[in-house]
Amino acid sequence: MSASHPLDKLALAVATLGPVGHFPKAPGTWGSLAATVAAPSLFLTLPLPWRAAVLVGVFLLGTWACDRAETVMGEKDPGCVVVDELFGQWLTLLFYQAMPLWYLAAAFALFRVFDILKPWPVKWAETAFPGGFGVMIDDGVAGLYAMGCLHLLAYLVSVIG
């Protein structure tokens, strides 16, 4: 990976969440875990409109960074690119501000399941769109699946007690 242009270096740093994408095993899981650990202090404390704005910003910046990372690295959706996991994981948590720790763990697990298994239309979104948009959007769809399941789980817990 050769990134001599400063914007390429910035794009790679954003796309890999700094060192996180370079961890030796399961970079996507590490990216999701980093997003989950950071969420209570960097994301969930914000009011809902701000969380939505942050997600739009992460999506736009991530799309640019992923697109540039694919060009610099010469491969589609390189494994070290994990900003898409940040987007999908935080999308899963969008409608929560405070939650028990086990909800965070459930959100993490649910997102990973949908991101790894890629049920329709997650897999479709991954292949239908080129470049950085395609890298980001499939994790957004996986995040929506995980969000729905997390809401269902929260509802069941409130009903069952």
Protein backbone atom coordinates (compact mmCIF):
# COMPACT_ATOMS: atom_id res chain seq x y z
CA MET A 1 0.00 0.00 0.00
CA SER A 2 1.61 3.20 -1.17
CA ALA A 3 -0.06 6.46 -0.32
CA SER A 4 2.28 9.30 -1.15
CA HIS A 5 -0.34 12.03 -1.53
CA PRO A 6 -1.43 13.57 1.80
CA LEU A 7 -5.11 13.10 0.92
CA ASP A 8 -4.46 9.41 0.25
CA LYS A 9 -2.83 9.10 3.68
CA LEU A 10 -5.81 10.85 5.26
CA ALA A 11 -8.27 8.64 3.36
CA LEU A 12 -6.46 5.48 4.48
CA ALA A 13 -6.38 6.68 8.09
CA VAL A 14 -10.13 7.38 8.00
CA ALA A 15 -10.96 4.16 6.13
CA THR A 16 -8.99 1.99 8.57
CA LEU A 17 -9.94 3.96 11.69
CA GLY A 18 -6.24 4.51 12.25
CA PRO A 19 -4.65 1.34 13.57
CA VAL A 20 -7.88 -0.63 14.07
CA GLY A 21 -8.14 -1.94 10.52
CA HIS A 22 -4.57 -3.20 10.71
CA PHE A 23 -5.14 -5.57 13.63
CA PRO A 24 -4.01 -9.03 12.48
CA LYS A 25 -7.24 -11.03 12.74
CA ALA A 26 -10.88 -10.13 11.99
CA PRO A 27 -10.49 -6.39 11.30
CA GLY A 28 -14.24 -5.97 10.73
CA THR A 29 -14.98 -7.34 14.18
CA TRP A 30 -12.35 -5.06 15.70
CA GLY A 31 -13.84 -2.09 13.83
CA SER A 32 -17.31 -2.92 15.16
CA LEU A 33 -15.94 -3.40 18.67
CA ALA A 34 -14.13 -0.05 18.53
CA ALA A 35 -17.35 1.62 17.37
CA THR A 36 -19.34 -0.06 20.16
CA VAL A 37 -16.82 0.92 22.85
CA ALA A 38 -16.67 4.52 21.57
CA ALA A 39 -20.44 4.90 21.18
CA PRO A 40 -21.38 5.67 24.82
CA SER A 41 -19.03 8.64 25.01
CA LEU A 42 -18.83 9.87 21.40
CA PHE A 43 -22.24 9.07 19.92
CA LEU A 44 -24.99 8.11 22.36
CA THR A 45 -24.58 11.27 24.46
CA LEU A 46 -25.69 13.43 21.54
CA PRO A 47 -29.33 14.39 20.92
CA LEU A 48 -31.02 12.38 18.15
CA PRO A 49 -30.72 15.08 15.43
CA TRP A 50 -26.98 15.33 16.12
CA ARG A 51 -26.58 11.54 16.02
CA ALA A 52 -28.35 11.52 12.64
CA ALA A 53 -26.05 14.31 11.42
CA VAL A 54 -22.99 12.41 12.64
CA LEU A 55 -24.16 9.35 10.71
CA VAL A 56 -24.59 11.39 7.54
CA GLY A 57 -21.10 12.82 8.04
CA VAL A 58 -19.58 9.40 8.71
CA PHE A 59 -21.32 8.01 5.62
CA LEU A 60 -20.11 10.81 3.35
CA LEU A 61 -16.57 10.88 4.73
CA GLY A 62 -16.45 7.08 4.77
CA THR A 63 -17.65 6.86 1.17
CA TRP A 64 -14.87 9.21 0.07
CA ALA A 65 -12.25 7.41 2.18
CA CYS A 66 -13.30 3.93 1.06
CA ASP A 67 -13.35 4.98 -2.58
CA ARG A 68 -9.87 6.42 -2.32
CA ALA A 69 -8.60 3.43 -0.29
CA GLU A 70 -9.81 1.04 -2.99
CA THR A 71 -7.91 3.04 -5.61
CA VAL A 72 -4.71 3.34 -3.56
CA MET A 73 -4.74 -0.31 -2.47
CA GLY A 74 -5.86 -1.63 -5.85
CA GLU A 75 -8.59 -3.89 -4.51
CA LYS A 76 -12.33 -3.79 -3.87
CA ASP A 77 -13.37 -3.42 -0.22
CA PRO A 78 -9.98 -4.18 1.36
CA GLY A 79 -10.25 -6.09 4.64
CA CYS A 80 -8.45 -3.35 6.57
CA VAL A 81 -11.16 -0.82 5.66
CA VAL A 82 -13.43 -0.66 8.72
CA VAL A 83 -15.05 2.79 8.71
CA ASP A 84 -18.09 1.02 7.23
CA GLU A 85 -18.32 -1.01 10.46
CA LEU A 86 -18.36 2.22 12.46
CA PHE A 87 -21.23 3.48 10.31
CA GLY A 88 -23.27 0.27 10.53
CA GLN A 89 -22.67 -0.20 14.24
CA TRP A 90 -23.66 3.36 15.09
CA LEU A 91 -26.69 3.14 12.82
CA THR A 92 -27.78 0.12 14.88
CA LEU A 93 -27.65 2.33 18.00
CA LEU A 94 -29.22 5.45 16.45
CA PHE A 95 -32.41 5.56 18.55
CA TYR A 96 -30.79 4.82 21.92
CA GLN A 97 -29.16 7.24 24.33
CA ALA A 98 -28.82 5.28 27.53
CA MET A 99 -28.89 1.52 27.69
CA PRO A 100 -27.70 -1.33 29.84
CA LEU A 101 -24.32 -2.74 28.92
CA TRP A 102 -25.89 -5.94 27.63
CA TYR A 103 -27.86 -3.91 25.02
CA LEU A 104 -24.55 -2.64 23.68
CA ALA A 105 -23.28 -6.22 23.58
CA ALA A 106 -26.47 -7.32 21.80
CA ALA A 107 -26.16 -4.45 19.30
CA PHE A 108 -22.57 -5.49 18.60
CA ALA A 109 -23.49 -9.16 18.14
CA LEU A 110 -26.54 -8.44 15.99
CA PHE A 111 -24.65 -6.13 13.68
CA ARG A 112 -21.79 -8.61 13.29
CA VAL A 113 -24.25 -11.42 12.46
CA PHE A 114 -25.95 -9.41 9.71
CA ASP A 115 -22.66 -8.01 8.40
CA ILE A 116 -21.09 -11.47 8.18
CA LEU A 117 -24.11 -13.47 6.93
CA LYS A 118 -25.23 -10.72 4.54
CA PRO A 119 -28.89 -11.72 4.07
CA TRP A 120 -30.79 -10.07 1.23
CA PRO A 121 -30.57 -7.13 0.55
CA VAL A 122 -27.25 -6.70 2.39
CA LYS A 123 -25.33 -8.83 -0.14
CA TRP A 124 -27.19 -7.18 -3.00
CA ALA A 125 -26.23 -3.71 -1.73
CA GLU A 126 -22.59 -4.80 -1.46
CA THR A 127 -22.46 -5.93 -5.09
CA ALA A 128 -24.91 -3.50 -6.73
CA PHE A 129 -23.02 -0.31 -5.95
CA PRO A 130 -19.43 0.42 -6.94
CA GLY A 131 -16.66 2.05 -4.97
CA GLY A 132 -16.88 3.60 -1.56
CA PHE A 133 -20.66 3.89 -1.72
CA GLY A 134 -20.96 0.11 -2.10
CA VAL A 135 -18.53 -0.47 0.77
CA MET A 136 -20.55 1.77 3.08
CA ILE A 137 -24.13 0.98 2.04
CA ASP A 138 -24.09 -2.77 2.74
CA ASP A 139 -23.06 -2.06 6.33
CA GLY A 140 -25.87 0.48 6.52
CA VAL A 141 -28.37 -2.18 5.46
CA ALA A 142 -26.87 -4.65 7.96
CA GLY A 143 -27.17 -1.91 10.59
CA LEU A 144 -30.86 -1.46 9.78
CA TYR A 145 -31.45 -5.20 10.22
CA ALA A 146 -29.58 -5.13 13.53
CA MET A 147 -31.47 -2.01 14.62
CA GLY A 148 -34.82 -3.70 13.98
CA CYS A 149 -33.78 -6.80 15.92
CA LEU A 150 -32.43 -4.69 18.79
CA HIS A 151 -35.74 -2.81 19.01
CA LEU A 152 -37.62 -6.11 18.98
CA LEU A 153 -35.35 -7.44 21.72
CA ALA A 154 -35.86 -4.27 23.80
CA TYR A 155 -39.63 -4.58 23.35
CA LEU A 156 -39.63 -8.25 24.39
CA VAL A 157 -37.54 -7.46 27.46
CA SER A 158 -39.97 -4.68 28.44
CA VAL A 159 -42.99 -6.98 27.99
CA ILE A 160 -41.51 -10.05 29.65
CA GLY A 161 -39.88 -8.01 32.35
